[in-house]
Amino acid sequence: QRPGEKPNILTVAWAGTVCSDPAMVSVSIRPERY
């Protein structure tokens, strides 16, 4: 969500765990997606 705007949801199948300490994840998104 941007401040002052409606929240949004994007479904992502390319997401994963990348590190346990610190706890880190990744999501891959096309630049043209809202």
PDB file of all heavy atoms in Angstrom:
ATOM      1  N   GLN A   1       0.832  -1.207   0.000  1.00  0.00           N
ATOM      2  CA  GLN A   1       0.000   0.000   0.000  1.00  0.00           C
ATOM      3  C   GLN A   1       0.859   1.246   0.000  1.00  0.00           C
ATOM      4  O   GLN A   1       1.835   1.340   0.746  1.00  0.00           O
ATOM      5  CB  GLN A   1      -0.912   0.007   1.234  1.00  0.00           C
ATOM      6  CG  GLN A   1      -1.883   1.175   1.275  1.00  0.00           C
ATOM      7  CD  GLN A   1      -2.826   1.088   2.464  1.00  0.00           C
ATOM      8  OE1 GLN A   1      -2.559   0.410   3.452  1.00  0.00           O
ATOM      9  NE2 GLN A   1      -3.959   1.788   2.375  1.00  0.00           N
ATOM     10  N   ARG A   2       0.479   2.202  -0.848  1.00  0.00           N
ATOM     11  CA  ARG A   2       1.054   3.545  -0.766  1.00  0.00           C
ATOM     12  C   ARG A   2       0.284   4.325   0.291  1.00  0.00           C
ATOM     13  O   ARG A   2      -0.922   4.135   0.447  1.00  0.00           O
ATOM     14  CB  ARG A   2       0.918   4.277  -2.103  1.00  0.00           C
ATOM     15  CG  ARG A   2       1.903   3.883  -3.170  1.00  0.00           C
ATOM     16  CD  ARG A   2       1.833   4.895  -4.316  1.00  0.00           C
ATOM     17  NE  ARG A   2       2.646   4.497  -5.442  1.00  0.00           N
ATOM     18  CZ  ARG A   2       2.181   3.867  -6.529  1.00  0.00           C
ATOM     19  NH1 ARG A   2       0.883   3.575  -6.621  1.00  0.00           N
ATOM     20  NH2 ARG A   2       2.991   3.549  -7.513  1.00  0.00           N
ATOM     21  N   PRO A   3       0.960   5.232   1.006  1.00  0.00           N
ATOM     22  CA  PRO A   3       0.250   6.055   2.001  1.00  0.00           C
ATOM     23  C   PRO A   3      -0.913   6.807   1.349  1.00  0.00           C
ATOM     24  O   PRO A   3      -0.762   7.411   0.293  1.00  0.00           O
ATOM     25  CB  PRO A   3       1.324   7.021   2.502  1.00  0.00           C
ATOM     26  CG  PRO A   3       2.619   6.324   2.238  1.00  0.00           C
ATOM     27  CD  PRO A   3       2.401   5.528   0.980  1.00  0.00           C
ATOM     28  N   GLY A   4      -2.074   6.719   1.967  1.00  0.00           N
ATOM     29  CA  GLY A   4      -3.242   7.445   1.493  1.00  0.00           C
ATOM     30  C   GLY A   4      -3.982   6.796   0.355  1.00  0.00           C
ATOM     31  O   GLY A   4      -5.003   7.326  -0.109  1.00  0.00           O
ATOM     32  N   GLU A   5      -3.492   5.651  -0.143  1.00  0.00           N
ATOM     33  CA  GLU A   5      -4.160   4.950  -1.242  1.00  0.00           C
ATOM     34  C   GLU A   5      -4.729   3.625  -0.755  1.00  0.00           C
ATOM     35  O   GLU A   5      -4.421   3.166   0.337  1.00  0.00           O
ATOM     36  CB  GLU A   5      -3.184   4.714  -2.396  1.00  0.00           C
ATOM     37  CG  GLU A   5      -2.702   5.985  -3.070  1.00  0.00           C
ATOM     38  CD  GLU A   5      -1.852   5.708  -4.300  1.00  0.00           C
ATOM     39  OE1 GLU A   5      -1.746   4.519  -4.714  1.00  0.00           O
ATOM     40  OE2 GLU A   5      -1.292   6.674  -4.857  1.00  0.00           O
ATOM     41  N   LYS A   6      -5.565   3.006  -1.592  1.00  0.00           N
ATOM     42  CA  LYS A   6      -6.140   1.718  -1.228  1.00  0.00           C
ATOM     43  C   LYS A   6      -5.044   0.647  -1.210  1.00  0.00           C
ATOM     44  O   LYS A   6      -4.091   0.714  -1.980  1.00  0.00           O
ATOM     45  CB  LYS A   6      -7.251   1.324  -2.209  1.00  0.00           C
ATOM     46  CG  LYS A   6      -6.764   0.898  -3.596  1.00  0.00           C
ATOM     47  CD  LYS A   6      -7.924   0.489  -4.488  1.00  0.00           C
ATOM     48  CE  LYS A   6      -7.473  -0.116  -5.807  1.00  0.00           C
ATOM     49  NZ  LYS A   6      -6.711   0.784  -6.657  1.00  0.00           N
ATOM     50  N   PRO A   7      -5.163  -0.332  -0.338  1.00  0.00           N
ATOM     51  CA  PRO A   7      -4.193  -1.424  -0.344  1.00  0.00           C
ATOM     52  C   PRO A   7      -4.403  -2.318  -1.556  1.00  0.00           C
ATOM     53  O   PRO A   7      -5.490  -2.333  -2.151  1.00  0.00           O
ATOM     54  CB  PRO A   7      -4.489  -2.167   0.959  1.00  0.00           C
ATOM     55  CG  PRO A   7      -5.933  -1.890   1.234  1.00  0.00           C
ATOM     56  CD  PRO A   7      -6.188  -0.505   0.701  1.00  0.00           C
ATOM     57  N   ASN A   8      -3.386  -3.047  -1.926  1.00  0.00           N
ATOM     58  CA  ASN A   8      -3.482  -3.937  -3.086  1.00  0.00           C
ATOM     59  C   ASN A   8      -2.909  -5.312  -2.743  1.00  0.00           C
ATOM     60  O   ASN A   8      -2.150  -5.473  -1.791  1.00  0.00           O
ATOM     61  CB  ASN A   8      -2.740  -3.347  -4.286  1.00  0.00           C
ATOM     62  CG  ASN A   8      -3.049  -4.107  -5.561  1.00  0.00           C
ATOM     63  OD1 ASN A   8      -4.215  -4.331  -5.882  1.00  0.00           O
ATOM     64  ND2 ASN A   8      -2.035  -4.519  -6.269  1.00  0.00           N
ATOM     65  N   ILE A   9      -3.303  -6.285  -3.553  1.00  0.00           N
ATOM     66  CA  ILE A   9      -2.821  -7.663  -3.395  1.00  0.00           C
ATOM     67  C   ILE A   9      -2.334  -8.166  -4.735  1.00  0.00           C
ATOM     68  O   ILE A   9      -3.009  -8.012  -5.761  1.00  0.00           O
ATOM     69  CB  ILE A   9      -3.934  -8.599  -2.887  1.00  0.00           C
ATOM     70  CG1 ILE A   9      -4.534  -8.092  -1.580  1.00  0.00           C
ATOM     71  CG2 ILE A   9      -3.393 -10.020  -2.714  1.00  0.00           C
ATOM     72  CD1 ILE A   9      -5.839  -8.784  -1.211  1.00  0.00           C
ATOM     73  N   LEU A  10      -1.172  -8.773  -4.742  1.00  0.00           N
ATOM     74  CA  LEU A  10      -0.585  -9.403  -5.926  1.00  0.00           C
ATOM     75  C   LEU A  10      -0.303 -10.861  -5.582  1.00  0.00           C
ATOM     76  O   LEU A  10       0.308 -11.137  -4.554  1.00  0.00           O
ATOM     77  CB  LEU A  10       0.724  -8.691  -6.288  1.00  0.00           C
ATOM     78  CG  LEU A  10       1.637  -9.355  -7.317  1.00  0.00           C
ATOM     79  CD1 LEU A  10       1.049  -9.220  -8.717  1.00  0.00           C
ATOM     80  CD2 LEU A  10       3.022  -8.737  -7.263  1.00  0.00           C
ATOM     81  N   THR A  11      -0.745 -11.790  -6.418  1.00  0.00           N
ATOM     82  CA  THR A  11      -0.425 -13.190  -6.190  1.00  0.00           C
ATOM     83  C   THR A  11       0.886 -13.528  -6.885  1.00  0.00           C
ATOM     84  O   THR A  11       1.077 -13.212  -8.059  1.00  0.00           O
ATOM     85  CB  THR A  11      -1.550 -14.105  -6.691  1.00  0.00           C
ATOM     86  OG1 THR A  11      -2.748 -13.774  -5.973  1.00  0.00           O
ATOM     87  CG2 THR A  11      -1.220 -15.569  -6.445  1.00  0.00           C
ATOM     88  N   VAL A  12       1.794 -14.143  -6.135  1.00  0.00           N
ATOM     89  CA  VAL A  12       3.138 -14.442  -6.617  1.00  0.00           C
ATOM     90  C   VAL A  12       3.424 -15.928  -6.410  1.00  0.00           C
ATOM     91  O   VAL A  12       3.243 -16.449  -5.311  1.00  0.00           O
ATOM     92  CB  VAL A  12       4.191 -13.595  -5.851  1.00  0.00           C
ATOM     93  CG1 VAL A  12       5.598 -14.005  -6.212  1.00  0.00           C
ATOM     94  CG2 VAL A  12       3.985 -12.112  -6.117  1.00  0.00           C
ATOM     95  N   ALA A  13       3.857 -16.601  -7.471  1.00  0.00           N
ATOM     96  CA  ALA A  13       4.267 -18.001  -7.337  1.00  0.00           C
ATOM     97  C   ALA A  13       5.783 -18.108  -7.204  1.00  0.00           C
ATOM     98  O   ALA A  13       6.281 -19.167  -6.835  1.00  0.00           O
ATOM     99  CB  ALA A  13       3.781 -18.818  -8.527  1.00  0.00           C
ATOM    100  N   TRP A  14       6.486 -17.027  -7.508  1.00  0.00           N
ATOM    101  CA  TRP A  14       7.947 -17.034  -7.401  1.00  0.00           C
ATOM    102  C   TRP A  14       8.345 -16.303  -6.128  1.00  0.00           C
ATOM    103  O   TRP A  14       8.713 -15.129  -6.130  1.00  0.00           O
ATOM    104  CB  TRP A  14       8.574 -16.409  -8.634  1.00  0.00           C
ATOM    105  CG  TRP A  14       8.324 -17.241  -9.864  1.00  0.00           C
ATOM    106  CD1 TRP A  14       7.756 -18.487  -9.911  1.00  0.00           C
ATOM    107  CD2 TRP A  14       8.589 -16.884 -11.209  1.00  0.00           C
ATOM    108  NE1 TRP A  14       7.668 -18.924 -11.208  1.00  0.00           N
ATOM    109  CE2 TRP A  14       8.183 -17.960 -12.034  1.00  0.00           C
ATOM    110  CE3 TRP A  14       9.157 -15.760 -11.802  1.00  0.00           C
ATOM    111  CZ2 TRP A  14       8.309 -17.942 -13.408  1.00  0.00           C
ATOM    112  CZ3 TRP A  14       9.285 -15.736 -13.179  1.00  0.00           C
ATOM    113  CH2 TRP A  14       8.868 -16.815 -13.972  1.00  0.00           C
ATOM    114  N   ALA A  15       8.246 -17.019  -5.020  1.00  0.00           N
ATOM    115  CA  ALA A  15       8.620 -16.492  -3.710  1.00  0.00           C
ATOM    116  C   ALA A  15       9.387 -17.586  -2.986  1.00  0.00           C
ATOM    117  O   ALA A  15       9.136 -18.768  -3.204  1.00  0.00           O
ATOM    118  CB  ALA A  15       7.372 -16.108  -2.922  1.00  0.00           C
ATOM    119  N   GLY A  16      10.313 -17.184  -2.152  1.00  0.00           N
ATOM    120  CA  GLY A  16      11.069 -18.213  -1.462  1.00  0.00           C
ATOM    121  C   GLY A  16      11.856 -17.696  -0.283  1.00  0.00           C
ATOM    122  O   GLY A  16      12.022 -16.489  -0.086  1.00  0.00           O
ATOM    123  N   THR A  17      12.356 -18.644   0.499  1.00  0.00           N
ATOM    124  CA  THR A  17      13.222 -18.360   1.630  1.00  0.00           C
ATOM    125  C   THR A  17      14.658 -18.250   1.137  1.00  0.00           C
ATOM    126  O   THR A  17      15.089 -19.073   0.331  1.00  0.00           O
ATOM    127  CB  THR A  17      13.114 -19.495   2.663  1.00  0.00           C
ATOM    128  OG1 THR A  17      11.768 -19.555   3.126  1.00  0.00           O
ATOM    129  CG2 THR A  17      14.045 -19.273   3.823  1.00  0.00           C
ATOM    130  N   VAL A  18      15.385 -17.246   1.569  1.00  0.00           N
ATOM    131  CA  VAL A  18      16.770 -17.083   1.119  1.00  0.00           C
ATOM    132  C   VAL A  18      17.783 -17.080   2.256  1.00  0.00           C
ATOM    133  O   VAL A  18      18.971 -17.298   2.028  1.00  0.00           O
ATOM    134  CB  VAL A  18      16.948 -15.807   0.255  1.00  0.00           C
ATOM    135  CG1 VAL A  18      16.158 -15.924  -1.044  1.00  0.00           C
ATOM    136  CG2 VAL A  18      16.550 -14.555   1.013  1.00  0.00           C
ATOM    137  N   CYS A  19      17.333 -16.835   3.492  1.00  0.00           N
ATOM    138  CA  CYS A  19      18.266 -16.795   4.619  1.00  0.00           C
ATOM    139  C   CYS A  19      17.478 -16.990   5.908  1.00  0.00           C
ATOM    140  O   CYS A  19      16.339 -16.527   6.014  1.00  0.00           O
ATOM    141  CB  CYS A  19      18.993 -15.449   4.631  1.00  0.00           C
ATOM    142  SG  CYS A  19      20.336 -15.339   5.834  1.00  0.00           S
ATOM    143  N   SER A  20      18.114 -17.670   6.886  1.00  0.00           N
ATOM    144  CA  SER A  20      17.420 -17.885   8.157  1.00  0.00           C
ATOM    145  C   SER A  20      17.830 -16.882   9.238  1.00  0.00           C
ATOM    146  O   SER A  20      17.049 -16.595  10.138  1.00  0.00           O
ATOM    147  CB  SER A  20      17.651 -19.318   8.654  1.00  0.00           C
ATOM    148  OG  SER A  20      19.026 -19.590   8.773  1.00  0.00           O
ATOM    149  N   ASP A  21      19.043 -16.348   9.167  1.00  0.00           N
ATOM    150  CA  ASP A  21      19.486 -15.378  10.165  1.00  0.00           C
ATOM    151  C   ASP A  21      20.372 -14.325   9.514  1.00  0.00           C
ATOM    152  O   ASP A  21      21.538 -14.616   9.224  1.00  0.00           O
ATOM    153  CB  ASP A  21      20.240 -16.088  11.302  1.00  0.00           C
ATOM    154  CG  ASP A  21      20.563 -15.155  12.460  1.00  0.00           C
ATOM    155  OD1 ASP A  21      19.993 -14.034  12.493  1.00  0.00           O
ATOM    156  OD2 ASP A  21      21.385 -15.531  13.306  1.00  0.00           O
ATOM    157  N   PRO A  22      19.850 -13.136   9.207  1.00  0.00           N
ATOM    158  CA  PRO A  22      18.489 -12.703   9.514  1.00  0.00           C
ATOM    159  C   PRO A  22      17.472 -13.408   8.622  1.00  0.00           C
ATOM    160  O   PRO A  22      17.818 -13.860   7.519  1.00  0.00           O
ATOM    161  CB  PRO A  22      18.528 -11.189   9.214  1.00  0.00           C
ATOM    162  CG  PRO A  22      19.569 -11.057   8.151  1.00  0.00           C
ATOM    163  CD  PRO A  22      20.615 -12.088   8.478  1.00  0.00           C
ATOM    164  N   ALA A  23      16.244 -13.489   9.106  1.00  0.00           N
ATOM    165  CA  ALA A  23      15.178 -14.118   8.316  1.00  0.00           C
ATOM    166  C   ALA A  23      14.922 -13.270   7.074  1.00  0.00           C
ATOM    167  O   ALA A  23      14.576 -12.092   7.183  1.00  0.00           O
ATOM    168  CB  ALA A  23      13.915 -14.241   9.151  1.00  0.00           C
ATOM    169  N   MET A  24      15.149 -13.867   5.897  1.00  0.00           N
ATOM    170  CA  MET A  24      14.962 -13.133   4.643  1.00  0.00           C
ATOM    171  C   MET A  24      14.222 -13.986   3.628  1.00  0.00           C
ATOM    172  O   MET A  24      14.327 -15.212   3.626  1.00  0.00           O
ATOM    173  CB  MET A  24      16.316 -12.692   4.070  1.00  0.00           C
ATOM    174  CG  MET A  24      17.019 -11.653   4.908  1.00  0.00           C
ATOM    175  SD  MET A  24      18.524 -11.036   4.127  1.00  0.00           S
ATOM    176  CE  MET A  24      17.824 -10.067   2.782  1.00  0.00           C
ATOM    177  N   VAL A  25      13.465 -13.301   2.781  1.00  0.00           N
ATOM    178  CA  VAL A  25      12.689 -13.951   1.723  1.00  0.00           C
ATOM    179  C   VAL A  25      12.894 -13.184   0.424  1.00  0.00           C
ATOM    180  O   VAL A  25      13.489 -12.100   0.407  1.00  0.00           O
ATOM    181  CB  VAL A  25      11.184 -13.982   2.071  1.00  0.00           C
ATOM    182  CG1 VAL A  25      10.901 -14.886   3.257  1.00  0.00           C
ATOM    183  CG2 VAL A  25      10.664 -12.571   2.332  1.00  0.00           C
ATOM    184  N   SER A  26      12.382 -13.756  -0.654  1.00  0.00           N
ATOM    185  CA  SER A  26      12.415 -13.049  -1.932  1.00  0.00           C
ATOM    186  C   SER A  26      11.071 -13.209  -2.627  1.00  0.00           C
ATOM    187  O   SER A  26      10.374 -14.213  -2.434  1.00  0.00           O
ATOM    188  CB  SER A  26      13.523 -13.602  -2.840  1.00  0.00           C
ATOM    189  OG  SER A  26      13.193 -14.909  -3.280  1.00  0.00           O
ATOM    190  N   VAL A  27      10.709 -12.209  -3.405  1.00  0.00           N
ATOM    191  CA  VAL A  27       9.584 -12.304  -4.335  1.00  0.00           C
ATOM    192  C   VAL A  27      10.054 -11.717  -5.660  1.00  0.00           C
ATOM    193  O   VAL A  27      10.763 -10.704  -5.682  1.00  0.00           O
ATOM    194  CB  VAL A  27       8.308 -11.575  -3.844  1.00  0.00           C
ATOM    195  CG1 VAL A  27       7.722 -12.265  -2.613  1.00  0.00           C
ATOM    196  CG2 VAL A  27       8.568 -10.107  -3.559  1.00  0.00           C
ATOM    197  N   SER A  28       9.698 -12.371  -6.751  1.00  0.00           N
ATOM    198  CA  SER A  28      10.066 -11.870  -8.079  1.00  0.00           C
ATOM    199  C   SER A  28       8.821 -11.349  -8.774  1.00  0.00           C
ATOM    200  O   SER A  28       7.804 -12.052  -8.860  1.00  0.00           O
ATOM    201  CB  SER A  28      10.714 -12.983  -8.907  1.00  0.00           C
ATOM    202  OG  SER A  28      11.979 -13.324  -8.357  1.00  0.00           O
ATOM    203  N   ILE A  29       8.906 -10.098  -9.265  1.00  0.00           N
ATOM    204  CA  ILE A  29       7.732  -9.402  -9.815  1.00  0.00           C
ATOM    205  C   ILE A  29       8.106  -8.738 -11.132  1.00  0.00           C
ATOM    206  O   ILE A  29       9.184  -8.137 -11.246  1.00  0.00           O
ATOM    207  CB  ILE A  29       7.214  -8.330  -8.818  1.00  0.00           C
ATOM    208  CG1 ILE A  29       6.921  -8.971  -7.444  1.00  0.00           C
ATOM    209  CG2 ILE A  29       5.977  -7.637  -9.357  1.00  0.00           C
ATOM    210  CD1 ILE A  29       6.584  -7.960  -6.364  1.00  0.00           C
ATOM    211  N   ARG A  30       7.222  -8.817 -12.100  1.00  0.00           N
ATOM    212  CA  ARG A  30       7.420  -8.110 -13.372  1.00  0.00           C
ATOM    213  C   ARG A  30       7.282  -6.604 -13.146  1.00  0.00           C
ATOM    214  O   ARG A  30       6.343  -6.162 -12.470  1.00  0.00           O
ATOM    215  CB  ARG A  30       6.392  -8.548 -14.409  1.00  0.00           C
ATOM    216  CG  ARG A  30       6.579  -9.961 -14.928  1.00  0.00           C
ATOM    217  CD  ARG A  30       5.481 -10.279 -15.961  1.00  0.00           C
ATOM    218  NE  ARG A  30       5.595 -11.639 -16.438  1.00  0.00           N
ATOM    219  CZ  ARG A  30       6.294 -11.997 -17.520  1.00  0.00           C
ATOM    220  NH1 ARG A  30       6.955 -11.082 -18.200  1.00  0.00           N
ATOM    221  NH2 ARG A  30       6.337 -13.253 -17.899  1.00  0.00           N
ATOM    222  N   PRO A  31       8.169  -5.790 -13.706  1.00  0.00           N
ATOM    223  CA  PRO A  31       8.096  -4.333 -13.495  1.00  0.00           C
ATOM    224  C   PRO A  31       6.786  -3.694 -13.954  1.00  0.00           C
ATOM    225  O   PRO A  31       6.413  -2.642 -13.438  1.00  0.00           O
ATOM    226  CB  PRO A  31       9.281  -3.799 -14.307  1.00  0.00           C
ATOM    227  CG  PRO A  31      10.256  -4.928 -14.327  1.00  0.00           C
ATOM    228  CD  PRO A  31       9.412  -6.171 -14.398  1.00  0.00           C
ATOM    229  N   GLU A  32       6.083  -4.329 -14.896  1.00  0.00           N
ATOM    230  CA  GLU A  32       4.830  -3.735 -15.376  1.00  0.00           C
ATOM    231  C   GLU A  32       3.643  -3.990 -14.448  1.00  0.00           C
ATOM    232  O   GLU A  32       2.572  -3.398 -14.640  1.00  0.00           O
ATOM    233  CB  GLU A  32       4.497  -4.228 -16.792  1.00  0.00           C
ATOM    234  CG  GLU A  32       4.328  -5.721 -16.930  1.00  0.00           C
ATOM    235  CD  GLU A  32       5.608  -6.426 -17.350  1.00  0.00           C
ATOM    236  OE1 GLU A  32       6.718  -5.897 -17.075  1.00  0.00           O
ATOM    237  OE2 GLU A  32       5.502  -7.514 -17.949  1.00  0.00           O
ATOM    238  N   ARG A  33       3.828  -4.826 -13.442  1.00  0.00           N
ATOM    239  CA  ARG A  33       2.719  -5.092 -12.522  1.00  0.00           C
ATOM    240  C   ARG A  33       2.452  -3.871 -11.648  1.00  0.00           C
ATOM    241  O   ARG A  33       3.370  -3.157 -11.240  1.00  0.00           O
ATOM    242  CB  ARG A  33       3.027  -6.313 -11.633  1.00  0.00           C
ATOM    243  CG  ARG A  33       3.197  -7.633 -12.379  1.00  0.00           C
ATOM    244  CD  ARG A  33       1.958  -8.093 -13.113  1.00  0.00           C
ATOM    245  NE  ARG A  33       0.846  -8.402 -12.245  1.00  0.00           N
ATOM    246  CZ  ARG A  33       0.528  -9.615 -11.830  1.00  0.00           C
ATOM    247  NH1 ARG A  33       1.271 -10.645 -12.164  1.00  0.00           N
ATOM    248  NH2 ARG A  33      -0.528  -9.796 -11.057  1.00  0.00           N
ATOM    249  N   TYR A  34       1.190  -3.643 -11.334  1.00  0.00           N
ATOM    250  CA  TYR A  34       0.761  -2.479 -10.551  1.00  0.00           C
ATOM    251  C   TYR A  34       1.470  -2.416  -9.198  1.00  0.00           C
ATOM    252  O   TYR A  34       1.877  -1.347  -8.731  1.00  0.00           O
ATOM    253  CB  TYR A  34      -0.759  -2.541 -10.371  1.00  0.00           C
ATOM    254  CG  TYR A  34      -1.348  -1.454  -9.508  1.00  0.00           C
ATOM    255  CD1 TYR A  34      -1.322  -0.118  -9.923  1.00  0.00           C
ATOM    256  CD2 TYR A  34      -1.961  -1.756  -8.294  1.00  0.00           C
ATOM    257  CE1 TYR A  34      -1.882   0.882  -9.138  1.00  0.00           C
ATOM    258  CE2 TYR A  34      -2.520  -0.764  -7.509  1.00  0.00           C
ATOM    259  CZ  TYR A  34      -2.481   0.551  -7.936  1.00  0.00           C
ATOM    260  OH  TYR A  34      -3.028   1.541  -7.162  1.00  0.00           O
TER     261      TYR A  34
END
